Amino acid sequence: MTGKSLLPDLGLVSTCACQDIAALFRIEDKEYIGQFDGSIAVSVGQTSVDAKGLMTIPLNIVGYTTTSHIKGMGKTTLDFDFGRPVQPSSLKSSKRSSFFPATQTMHLNILMRAESLPGLTLRSVRRGTLINRSATSFPPAQGSIYSLQKPVELEDVKKPGKTRAMLLNVNTEIVEANTSPKEVKADSGLTLFRSSREGFVLKELSQNTSLKFRLAEKGAVKITIFDSRGREALVVAEKAMLAGEQKVTFDGRELKGKEYYYQIQVDGRNRTARMLLVNG
């Protein structure tokens, strides 16, 4: 072990492109459904450990906006309300032996604007919470789903006290996630080849165990394998690579556990996924 960790570093910023396939609103007695596309960004706070040995990583919202064109509502935008305090979101382990799978919550004070409500800005009466109870990595893996814990009432910012709309249901899906201490780029240019929905399932751990991926453009690549507790187990490769399909080999006999995570870093941008080892 080298002492490095799969867990996110303090101060790291993760920005995720996301979509809501069927966000459900109610305004007066009518319901509207829209598909939203946008992004959410968080910065990583200081990890803490409770009396039971469970770790919690605070996540502070630093950006959130998503937009849709909804029949009956017109262009509709949801933004984060930075004018009101909200408790940090979090990523919390569920057992001591392995940080992942973990529960990730995203606490949002929401601002909403819609063409069908000209001149009005609505805000959430109470915070909304998106939750994923089976997070397998951070930044979250592509396809991860975050569901609205309970409906959110929306009131007029200028005339609070009366509910003007309701956000009834949201299932936010992660489309792409990137990390950088300073900036986040829209596309990591990396495609992973998976052998199952669970990630990579390796059935033969040999001296020439291989991982395959494709790069959109040439770049500096580092591939690291971490154990189930987030500790670095093996550096597979660290070198410049050309665009196109790539394959790296490593000695899989060094891995004695059943579950690992591999992280591919391209020019400082990370992609992490689960890897299961099945002997025989």
C-alpha atoms as a PDB file:
ATOM      1  CA  MET A   1       0.000   0.000   0.000  1.00  0.00           C
ATOM      2  CA  THR A   2       1.238   3.500  -0.733  1.00  0.00           C
ATOM      3  CA  GLY A   3      -1.016   5.406   1.659  1.00  0.00           C
ATOM      4  CA  LYS A   4      -3.018   7.093  -1.099  1.00  0.00           C
ATOM      5  CA  SER A   5      -6.805   6.873  -1.003  1.00  0.00           C
ATOM      6  CA  LEU A   6      -9.659   6.489  -3.448  1.00  0.00           C
ATOM      7  CA  LEU A   7     -11.719   8.834  -1.277  1.00  0.00           C
ATOM      8  CA  PRO A   8     -11.915  12.414  -2.625  1.00  0.00           C
ATOM      9  CA  ASP A   9      -9.364  14.957  -1.453  1.00  0.00           C
ATOM     10  CA  LEU A  10     -10.317  17.960   0.637  1.00  0.00           C
ATOM     11  CA  GLY A  11     -11.175  20.916  -1.625  1.00  0.00           C
ATOM     12  CA  LEU A  12     -11.732  18.798  -4.736  1.00  0.00           C
ATOM     13  CA  VAL A  13     -14.524  20.078  -7.000  1.00  0.00           C
ATOM     14  CA  SER A  14     -16.732  17.616  -8.862  1.00  0.00           C
ATOM     15  CA  THR A  15     -19.108  18.784 -11.581  1.00  0.00           C
ATOM     16  CA  CYS A  16     -21.690  16.391 -13.009  1.00  0.00           C
ATOM     17  CA  ALA A  17     -23.753  16.775 -16.141  1.00  0.00           C
ATOM     18  CA  CYS A  18     -27.204  15.485 -15.230  1.00  0.00           C
ATOM     19  CA  GLN A  19     -30.707  14.978 -16.562  1.00  0.00           C
ATOM     20  CA  ASP A  20     -34.186  14.542 -15.072  1.00  0.00           C
ATOM     21  CA  ILE A  21     -36.200  12.395 -17.438  1.00  0.00           C
ATOM     22  CA  ALA A  22     -39.635  12.951 -15.885  1.00  0.00           C
ATOM     23  CA  ALA A  23     -39.675  15.788 -13.357  1.00  0.00           C
ATOM     24  CA  LEU A  24     -43.253  16.242 -12.167  1.00  0.00           C
ATOM     25  CA  PHE A  25     -44.694  19.657 -11.191  1.00  0.00           C
ATOM     26  CA  ARG A  26     -48.095  20.742  -9.972  1.00  0.00           C
ATOM     27  CA  ILE A  27     -49.280  24.322 -10.476  1.00  0.00           C
ATOM     28  CA  GLU A  28     -52.757  24.988  -9.117  1.00  0.00           C
ATOM     29  CA  ASP A  29     -54.698  21.856 -10.189  1.00  0.00           C
ATOM     30  CA  LYS A  30     -52.607  20.940 -13.231  1.00  0.00           C
ATOM     31  CA  GLU A  31     -49.604  18.646 -13.448  1.00  0.00           C
ATOM     32  CA  TYR A  32     -46.700  19.045 -15.876  1.00  0.00           C
ATOM     33  CA  ILE A  33     -43.876  16.703 -16.806  1.00  0.00           C
ATOM     34  CA  GLY A  34     -40.537  17.815 -18.221  1.00  0.00           C
ATOM     35  CA  GLN A  35     -37.079  16.525 -19.029  1.00  0.00           C
ATOM     36  CA  PHE A  36     -34.383  18.745 -17.555  1.00  0.00           C
ATOM     37  CA  ASP A  37     -30.747  18.941 -18.596  1.00  0.00           C
ATOM     38  CA  GLY A  38     -28.119  20.726 -16.551  1.00  0.00           C
ATOM     39  CA  SER A  39     -25.273  20.340 -14.102  1.00  0.00           C
ATOM     40  CA  ILE A  40     -24.494  20.217 -10.408  1.00  0.00           C
ATOM     41  CA  ALA A  41     -21.130  20.923  -8.760  1.00  0.00           C
ATOM     42  CA  VAL A  42     -19.900  20.222  -5.241  1.00  0.00           C
ATOM     43  CA  SER A  43     -16.712  20.802  -3.298  1.00  0.00           C
ATOM     44  CA  VAL A  44     -15.396  18.196  -0.862  1.00  0.00           C
ATOM     45  CA  GLY A  45     -15.146  19.027   2.845  1.00  0.00           C
ATOM     46  CA  GLN A  46     -13.197  17.447   5.722  1.00  0.00           C
ATOM     47  CA  THR A  47     -13.946  13.757   6.362  1.00  0.00           C
ATOM     48  CA  SER A  48     -15.199  12.865   9.847  1.00  0.00           C
ATOM     49  CA  VAL A  49     -15.599   9.533  11.660  1.00  0.00           C
ATOM     50  CA  ASP A  50     -18.392   8.872  14.167  1.00  0.00           C
ATOM     51  CA  ALA A  51     -18.317   6.700  17.292  1.00  0.00           C
ATOM     52  CA  LYS A  52     -19.286   3.630  15.242  1.00  0.00           C
ATOM     53  CA  GLY A  53     -16.379   4.103  12.876  1.00  0.00           C
ATOM     54  CA  LEU A  54     -18.523   5.250   9.951  1.00  0.00           C
ATOM     55  CA  MET A  55     -17.060   7.992   7.763  1.00  0.00           C
ATOM     56  CA  THR A  56     -18.943  11.035   6.461  1.00  0.00           C
ATOM     57  CA  ILE A  57     -17.637  13.368   3.759  1.00  0.00           C
ATOM     58  CA  PRO A  58     -19.437  16.758   3.599  1.00  0.00           C
ATOM     59  CA  LEU A  59     -20.212  18.035   0.106  1.00  0.00           C
ATOM     60  CA  ASN A  60     -20.895  21.733  -0.399  1.00  0.00           C
ATOM     61  CA  ILE A  61     -23.003  22.795  -3.377  1.00  0.00           C
ATOM     62  CA  VAL A  62     -21.045  25.303  -5.464  1.00  0.00           C
ATOM     63  CA  GLY A  63     -23.213  25.225  -8.594  1.00  0.00           C
ATOM     64  CA  TYR A  64     -26.584  23.919  -9.758  1.00  0.00           C
ATOM     65  CA  THR A  65     -28.724  24.801 -12.736  1.00  0.00           C
ATOM     66  CA  THR A  66     -31.004  22.778 -14.993  1.00  0.00           C
ATOM     67  CA  THR A  67     -33.418  23.768 -17.752  1.00  0.00           C
ATOM     68  CA  SER A  68     -36.386  22.302 -19.617  1.00  0.00           C
ATOM     69  CA  HIS A  69     -39.023  23.338 -22.134  1.00  0.00           C
ATOM     70  CA  ILE A  70     -42.264  21.982 -20.682  1.00  0.00           C
ATOM     71  CA  LYS A  71     -45.583  21.955 -22.497  1.00  0.00           C
ATOM     72  CA  GLY A  72     -47.849  24.366 -20.637  1.00  0.00           C
ATOM     73  CA  MET A  73     -44.989  25.928 -18.644  1.00  0.00           C
ATOM     74  CA  GLY A  74     -42.590  26.999 -21.394  1.00  0.00           C
ATOM     75  CA  LYS A  75     -38.904  27.376 -20.592  1.00  0.00           C
ATOM     76  CA  THR A  76     -38.421  26.401 -16.959  1.00  0.00           C
ATOM     77  CA  THR A  77     -35.200  26.773 -14.990  1.00  0.00           C
ATOM     78  CA  LEU A  78     -34.172  25.431 -11.589  1.00  0.00           C
ATOM     79  CA  ASP A  79     -31.214  27.052  -9.814  1.00  0.00           C
ATOM     80  CA  PHE A  80     -29.572  26.750  -6.416  1.00  0.00           C
ATOM     81  CA  ASP A  81     -30.550  29.506  -3.978  1.00  0.00           C
ATOM     82  CA  PHE A  82     -27.231  30.709  -2.578  1.00  0.00           C
ATOM     83  CA  GLY A  83     -29.037  33.441  -0.629  1.00  0.00           C
ATOM     84  CA  ARG A  84     -30.260  31.020   2.037  1.00  0.00           C
ATOM     85  CA  PRO A  85     -28.147  28.709   4.199  1.00  0.00           C
ATOM     86  CA  VAL A  86     -28.505  24.963   3.845  1.00  0.00           C
ATOM     87  CA  GLN A  87     -26.725  22.168   5.664  1.00  0.00           C
ATOM     88  CA  PRO A  88     -23.938  20.479   3.694  1.00  0.00           C
ATOM     89  CA  SER A  89     -24.777  17.535   1.523  1.00  0.00           C
ATOM     90  CA  SER A  90     -22.880  14.362   2.346  1.00  0.00           C
ATOM     91  CA  LEU A  91     -21.435  11.039   1.320  1.00  0.00           C
ATOM     92  CA  LYS A  92     -21.690   8.554   4.215  1.00  0.00           C
ATOM     93  CA  SER A  93     -20.353   5.033   4.529  1.00  0.00           C
ATOM     94  CA  SER A  94     -22.782   2.287   5.567  1.00  0.00           C
ATOM     95  CA  LYS A  95     -20.246  -0.064   7.171  1.00  0.00           C
ATOM     96  CA  ARG A  96     -16.797   0.089   8.693  1.00  0.00           C
ATOM     97  CA  SER A  97     -15.164  -2.524   6.510  1.00  0.00           C
ATOM     98  CA  SER A  98     -15.729  -0.676   3.214  1.00  0.00           C
ATOM     99  CA  PHE A  99     -16.609   2.934   2.449  1.00  0.00           C
ATOM    100  CA  PHE A 100     -18.616   1.995  -0.642  1.00  0.00           C
ATOM    101  CA  PRO A 101     -21.459   1.415  -1.236  1.00  0.00           C
ATOM    102  CA  ALA A 102     -22.378   4.639   0.532  1.00  0.00           C
ATOM    103  CA  THR A 103     -25.383   6.931   0.875  1.00  0.00           C
ATOM    104  CA  GLN A 104     -25.077  10.270  -0.892  1.00  0.00           C
ATOM    105  CA  THR A 105     -27.486  13.125  -0.175  1.00  0.00           C
ATOM    106  CA  MET A 106     -27.762  16.427  -2.031  1.00  0.00           C
ATOM    107  CA  HIS A 107     -29.543  19.189  -0.069  1.00  0.00           C
ATOM    108  CA  LEU A 108     -30.949  21.917  -2.317  1.00  0.00           C
ATOM    109  CA  ASN A 109     -32.635  25.250  -1.732  1.00  0.00           C
ATOM    110  CA  ILE A 110     -34.296  25.698  -5.109  1.00  0.00           C
ATOM    111  CA  LEU A 111     -35.203  28.739  -7.199  1.00  0.00           C
ATOM    112  CA  MET A 112     -37.644  28.190 -10.071  1.00  0.00           C
ATOM    113  CA  ARG A 113     -38.561  30.419 -13.008  1.00  0.00           C
ATOM    114  CA  ALA A 114     -41.042  29.511 -15.751  1.00  0.00           C
ATOM    115  CA  GLU A 115     -42.401  31.367 -18.781  1.00  0.00           C
ATOM    116  CA  SER A 116     -45.921  30.482 -17.633  1.00  0.00           C
ATOM    117  CA  LEU A 117     -45.255  32.509 -14.449  1.00  0.00           C
ATOM    118  CA  PRO A 118     -43.967  35.809 -15.906  1.00  0.00           C
ATOM    119  CA  GLY A 119     -42.141  38.035 -13.468  1.00  0.00           C
ATOM    120  CA  LEU A 120     -42.221  35.456 -10.684  1.00  0.00           C
ATOM    121  CA  THR A 121     -39.362  33.674  -9.008  1.00  0.00           C
ATOM    122  CA  LEU A 122     -40.404  30.794  -6.799  1.00  0.00           C
ATOM    123  CA  ARG A 123     -38.309  29.295  -4.051  1.00  0.00           C
ATOM    124  CA  SER A 124     -38.551  26.101  -2.029  1.00  0.00           C
ATOM    125  CA  VAL A 125     -40.325  26.578   1.296  1.00  0.00           C
ATOM    126  CA  ARG A 126     -38.111  23.870   2.797  1.00  0.00           C
ATOM    127  CA  ARG A 127     -34.997  22.330   1.360  1.00  0.00           C
ATOM    128  CA  GLY A 128     -35.286  19.522  -1.160  1.00  0.00           C
ATOM    129  CA  THR A 129     -33.133  16.430  -0.788  1.00  0.00           C
ATOM    130  CA  LEU A 130     -31.919  14.146  -3.561  1.00  0.00           C
ATOM    131  CA  ILE A 131     -30.655  10.793  -2.299  1.00  0.00           C
ATOM    132  CA  ASN A 132     -28.761   7.826  -3.665  1.00  0.00           C
ATOM    133  CA  ARG A 133     -28.550   4.985  -1.134  1.00  0.00           C
ATOM    134  CA  SER A 134     -26.182   2.845  -3.180  1.00  0.00           C
ATOM    135  CA  ALA A 135     -23.399   5.164  -4.372  1.00  0.00           C
ATOM    136  CA  THR A 136     -20.454   3.051  -5.557  1.00  0.00           C
ATOM    137  CA  SER A 137     -17.895   5.780  -6.242  1.00  0.00           C
ATOM    138  CA  PHE A 138     -17.150   9.493  -6.099  1.00  0.00           C
ATOM    139  CA  PRO A 139     -17.444  11.300  -8.412  1.00  0.00           C
ATOM    140  CA  PRO A 140     -20.640   9.335  -9.052  1.00  0.00           C
ATOM    141  CA  ALA A 141     -20.648   6.796 -11.844  1.00  0.00           C
ATOM    142  CA  GLN A 142     -22.453   7.466 -15.094  1.00  0.00           C
ATOM    143  CA  GLY A 143     -26.068   6.317 -14.752  1.00  0.00           C
ATOM    144  CA  SER A 144     -26.257   6.908 -10.985  1.00  0.00           C
ATOM    145  CA  ILE A 145     -29.769   7.939  -9.911  1.00  0.00           C
ATOM    146  CA  TYR A 146     -30.651  10.502  -7.213  1.00  0.00           C
ATOM    147  CA  SER A 147     -34.325  10.582  -6.207  1.00  0.00           C
ATOM    148  CA  LEU A 148     -36.279  13.370  -4.536  1.00  0.00           C
ATOM    149  CA  GLN A 149     -36.922  12.272  -0.968  1.00  0.00           C
ATOM    150  CA  LYS A 150     -40.277  14.066  -0.651  1.00  0.00           C
ATOM    151  CA  PRO A 151     -42.249  16.726  -2.582  1.00  0.00           C
ATOM    152  CA  VAL A 152     -41.042  20.320  -2.377  1.00  0.00           C
ATOM    153  CA  GLU A 153     -43.416  23.274  -1.962  1.00  0.00           C
ATOM    154  CA  LEU A 154     -42.533  26.437  -3.887  1.00  0.00           C
ATOM    155  CA  GLU A 155     -43.548  29.954  -2.839  1.00  0.00           C
ATOM    156  CA  ASP A 156     -43.175  33.427  -4.359  1.00  0.00           C
ATOM    157  CA  VAL A 157     -39.898  35.002  -3.261  1.00  0.00           C
ATOM    158  CA  LYS A 158     -41.549  38.439  -2.976  1.00  0.00           C
ATOM    159  CA  LYS A 159     -44.764  37.202  -1.351  1.00  0.00           C
ATOM    160  CA  PRO A 160     -43.863  34.165   0.756  1.00  0.00           C
ATOM    161  CA  GLY A 161     -46.331  32.193   2.818  1.00  0.00           C
ATOM    162  CA  LYS A 162     -48.505  30.745   0.047  1.00  0.00           C
ATOM    163  CA  THR A 163     -47.644  27.669  -2.001  1.00  0.00           C
ATOM    164  CA  ARG A 164     -47.680  28.553  -5.696  1.00  0.00           C
ATOM    165  CA  ALA A 165     -46.323  25.274  -7.100  1.00  0.00           C
ATOM    166  CA  MET A 166     -45.097  21.829  -6.083  1.00  0.00           C
ATOM    167  CA  LEU A 167     -42.158  19.792  -7.293  1.00  0.00           C
ATOM    168  CA  LEU A 168     -43.604  16.320  -6.807  1.00  0.00           C
ATOM    169  CA  ASN A 169     -41.040  13.950  -8.224  1.00  0.00           C
ATOM    170  CA  VAL A 170     -37.496  14.048  -9.587  1.00  0.00           C
ATOM    171  CA  ASN A 171     -35.078  11.280 -10.529  1.00  0.00           C
ATOM    172  CA  THR A 172     -31.763  12.852 -11.447  1.00  0.00           C
ATOM    173  CA  GLU A 173     -29.427  10.731 -13.548  1.00  0.00           C
ATOM    174  CA  ILE A 174     -25.710  11.405 -13.815  1.00  0.00           C
ATOM    175  CA  VAL A 175     -24.655  11.718 -17.450  1.00  0.00           C
ATOM    176  CA  GLU A 176     -20.995  12.615 -16.955  1.00  0.00           C
ATOM    177  CA  ALA A 177     -18.811  13.442 -13.969  1.00  0.00           C
ATOM    178  CA  ASN A 178     -15.439  15.173 -13.886  1.00  0.00           C
ATOM    179  CA  THR A 179     -13.161  16.459 -11.160  1.00  0.00           C
ATOM    180  CA  SER A 180     -10.494  19.104 -10.868  1.00  0.00           C
ATOM    181  CA  PRO A 181      -9.102  21.190  -7.991  1.00  0.00           C
ATOM    182  CA  LYS A 182      -9.524  24.331 -10.124  1.00  0.00           C
ATOM    183  CA  GLU A 183     -11.735  23.713 -13.107  1.00  0.00           C
ATOM    184  CA  VAL A 184     -13.998  21.106 -14.640  1.00  0.00           C
ATOM    185  CA  LYS A 185     -14.152  20.367 -18.344  1.00  0.00           C
ATOM    186  CA  ALA A 186     -17.297  19.127 -20.021  1.00  0.00           C
ATOM    187  CA  ASP A 187     -15.916  15.960 -21.566  1.00  0.00           C
ATOM    188  CA  SER A 188     -13.246  13.655 -20.199  1.00  0.00           C
ATOM    189  CA  GLY A 189     -12.795  12.049 -23.626  1.00  0.00           C
ATOM    190  CA  LEU A 190     -12.727   8.592 -22.089  1.00  0.00           C
ATOM    191  CA  THR A 191     -14.849   5.542 -22.824  1.00  0.00           C
ATOM    192  CA  LEU A 192     -14.615   2.499 -20.568  1.00  0.00           C
ATOM    193  CA  PHE A 193     -15.334  -0.959 -21.916  1.00  0.00           C
ATOM    194  CA  ARG A 194     -17.342  -2.832 -19.288  1.00  0.00           C
ATOM    195  CA  SER A 195     -17.909  -6.564 -19.169  1.00  0.00           C
ATOM    196  CA  SER A 196     -21.158  -6.323 -17.155  1.00  0.00           C
ATOM    197  CA  ARG A 197     -23.575  -3.818 -15.592  1.00  0.00           C
ATOM    198  CA  GLU A 198     -21.607  -4.194 -12.363  1.00  0.00           C
ATOM    199  CA  GLY A 199     -18.439  -2.902 -14.024  1.00  0.00           C
ATOM    200  CA  PHE A 200     -15.515  -5.138 -14.927  1.00  0.00           C
ATOM    201  CA  VAL A 201     -15.792  -8.761 -13.861  1.00  0.00           C
ATOM    202  CA  LEU A 202     -12.411 -10.466 -14.087  1.00  0.00           C
ATOM    203  CA  LYS A 203     -12.599 -14.256 -13.995  1.00  0.00           C
ATOM    204  CA  GLU A 204      -8.968 -15.039 -14.690  1.00  0.00           C
ATOM    205  CA  LEU A 205      -6.339 -13.287 -12.599  1.00  0.00           C
ATOM    206  CA  SER A 206      -3.145 -13.919 -14.476  1.00  0.00           C
ATOM    207  CA  GLN A 207       0.166 -12.251 -15.077  1.00  0.00           C
ATOM    208  CA  ASN A 208      -1.436 -10.595 -18.114  1.00  0.00           C
ATOM    209  CA  THR A 209      -4.792  -9.395 -16.735  1.00  0.00           C
ATOM    210  CA  SER A 210      -6.042  -6.581 -19.005  1.00  0.00           C
ATOM    211  CA  LEU A 211      -8.255  -3.487 -18.975  1.00  0.00           C
ATOM    212  CA  LYS A 212      -9.513  -1.849 -22.183  1.00  0.00           C
ATOM    213  CA  PHE A 213     -10.628   1.732 -22.824  1.00  0.00           C
ATOM    214  CA  ARG A 214     -10.742   4.340 -25.582  1.00  0.00           C
ATOM    215  CA  LEU A 215      -9.322   7.864 -25.549  1.00  0.00           C
ATOM    216  CA  ALA A 216     -10.825  10.654 -27.635  1.00  0.00           C
ATOM    217  CA  GLU A 217      -7.431  12.356 -27.814  1.00  0.00           C
ATOM    218  CA  LYS A 218      -3.888  11.739 -26.657  1.00  0.00           C
ATOM    219  CA  GLY A 219      -3.068  12.525 -23.058  1.00  0.00           C
ATOM    220  CA  ALA A 220      -1.226  11.635 -19.871  1.00  0.00           C
ATOM    221  CA  VAL A 221      -2.889   8.550 -18.409  1.00  0.00           C
ATOM    222  CA  LYS A 222      -2.615   7.030 -14.947  1.00  0.00           C
ATOM    223  CA  ILE A 223      -4.526   3.883 -13.960  1.00  0.00           C
ATOM    224  CA  THR A 224      -4.755   2.927 -10.290  1.00  0.00           C
ATOM    225  CA  ILE A 225      -6.564   0.080  -8.519  1.00  0.00           C
ATOM    226  CA  PHE A 226      -7.927   0.624  -4.998  1.00  0.00           C
ATOM    227  CA  ASP A 227      -9.229  -1.930  -2.520  1.00  0.00           C
ATOM    228  CA  SER A 228     -12.772  -1.901  -1.084  1.00  0.00           C
ATOM    229  CA  ARG A 229     -11.697   0.485   1.702  1.00  0.00           C
ATOM    230  CA  GLY A 230     -10.359   3.026  -0.772  1.00  0.00           C
ATOM    231  CA  ARG A 231      -6.668   2.268  -0.268  1.00  0.00           C
ATOM    232  CA  GLU A 232      -4.313   2.169  -3.227  1.00  0.00           C
ATOM    233  CA  ALA A 233      -3.437  -1.423  -4.115  1.00  0.00           C
ATOM    234  CA  LEU A 234      -1.673  -1.170  -7.469  1.00  0.00           C
ATOM    235  CA  VAL A 235      -0.616   1.382 -10.090  1.00  0.00           C
ATOM    236  CA  VAL A 236      -1.334  -0.320 -13.413  1.00  0.00           C
ATOM    237  CA  ALA A 237       0.055   2.296 -15.787  1.00  0.00           C
ATOM    238  CA  GLU A 238       1.333   5.871 -15.795  1.00  0.00           C
ATOM    239  CA  LYS A 239       2.372   7.165 -19.214  1.00  0.00           C
ATOM    240  CA  ALA A 240       1.356   9.216 -22.244  1.00  0.00           C
ATOM    241  CA  MET A 241      -1.076   7.451 -24.594  1.00  0.00           C
ATOM    242  CA  LEU A 242      -2.383   8.171 -28.063  1.00  0.00           C
ATOM    243  CA  ALA A 243      -6.027   8.605 -29.065  1.00  0.00           C
ATOM    244  CA  GLY A 244      -7.991   5.459 -29.840  1.00  0.00           C
ATOM    245  CA  GLU A 245      -8.571   2.076 -28.257  1.00  0.00           C
ATOM    246  CA  GLN A 246      -6.068   1.139 -25.577  1.00  0.00           C
ATOM    247  CA  LYS A 247      -5.312  -1.970 -23.558  1.00  0.00           C
ATOM    248  CA  VAL A 248      -3.088  -2.209 -20.514  1.00  0.00           C
ATOM    249  CA  THR A 249      -2.017  -5.392 -18.772  1.00  0.00           C
ATOM    250  CA  PHE A 250      -1.027  -5.999 -15.178  1.00  0.00           C
ATOM    251  CA  ASP A 251      -0.272  -8.875 -12.842  1.00  0.00           C
ATOM    252  CA  GLY A 252      -3.692  -9.692 -11.405  1.00  0.00           C
ATOM    253  CA  ARG A 253      -2.187 -12.286  -9.104  1.00  0.00           C
ATOM    254  CA  GLU A 254      -1.282  -9.467  -6.729  1.00  0.00           C
ATOM    255  CA  LEU A 255      -4.986  -8.828  -6.008  1.00  0.00           C
ATOM    256  CA  LYS A 256      -6.214 -11.168  -3.287  1.00  0.00           C
ATOM    257  CA  GLY A 257      -9.598  -9.611  -2.493  1.00  0.00           C
ATOM    258  CA  LYS A 258     -12.975  -9.904  -4.230  1.00  0.00           C
ATOM    259  CA  GLU A 259     -13.892  -6.263  -4.820  1.00  0.00           C
ATOM    260  CA  TYR A 260     -11.792  -3.370  -6.037  1.00  0.00           C
ATOM    261  CA  TYR A 261     -12.180  -0.030  -7.809  1.00  0.00           C
ATOM    262  CA  TYR A 262     -10.100   1.166 -10.697  1.00  0.00           C
ATOM    263  CA  GLN A 263      -9.508   4.833 -11.431  1.00  0.00           C
ATOM    264  CA  ILE A 264      -8.373   6.082 -14.826  1.00  0.00           C
ATOM    265  CA  GLN A 265      -6.972   9.603 -14.824  1.00  0.00           C
ATOM    266  CA  VAL A 266      -6.556  11.421 -18.144  1.00  0.00           C
ATOM    267  CA  ASP A 267      -4.761  14.782 -17.970  1.00  0.00           C
ATOM    268  CA  GLY A 268      -5.918  15.175 -14.365  1.00  0.00           C
ATOM    269  CA  ARG A 269      -9.557  14.200 -14.979  1.00  0.00           C
ATOM    270  CA  ASN A 270     -10.794  11.073 -13.231  1.00  0.00           C
ATOM    271  CA  ARG A 271     -13.191   8.230 -13.989  1.00  0.00           C
ATOM    272  CA  THR A 272     -13.762   5.584 -11.316  1.00  0.00           C
ATOM    273  CA  ALA A 273     -15.653   2.308 -11.571  1.00  0.00           C
ATOM    274  CA  ARG A 274     -16.171  -0.921  -9.701  1.00  0.00           C
ATOM    275  CA  MET A 275     -14.220  -4.083 -10.475  1.00  0.00           C
ATOM    276  CA  LEU A 276     -15.215  -7.548  -9.246  1.00  0.00           C
ATOM    277  CA  LEU A 277     -12.767 -10.415  -9.098  1.00  0.00           C
ATOM    278  CA  VAL A 278     -14.095 -13.942  -9.571  1.00  0.00           C
ATOM    279  CA  ASN A 279     -11.565 -16.728  -9.241  1.00  0.00           C
ATOM    280  CA  GLY A 280     -11.926 -19.786 -11.477  1.00  0.00           C
END
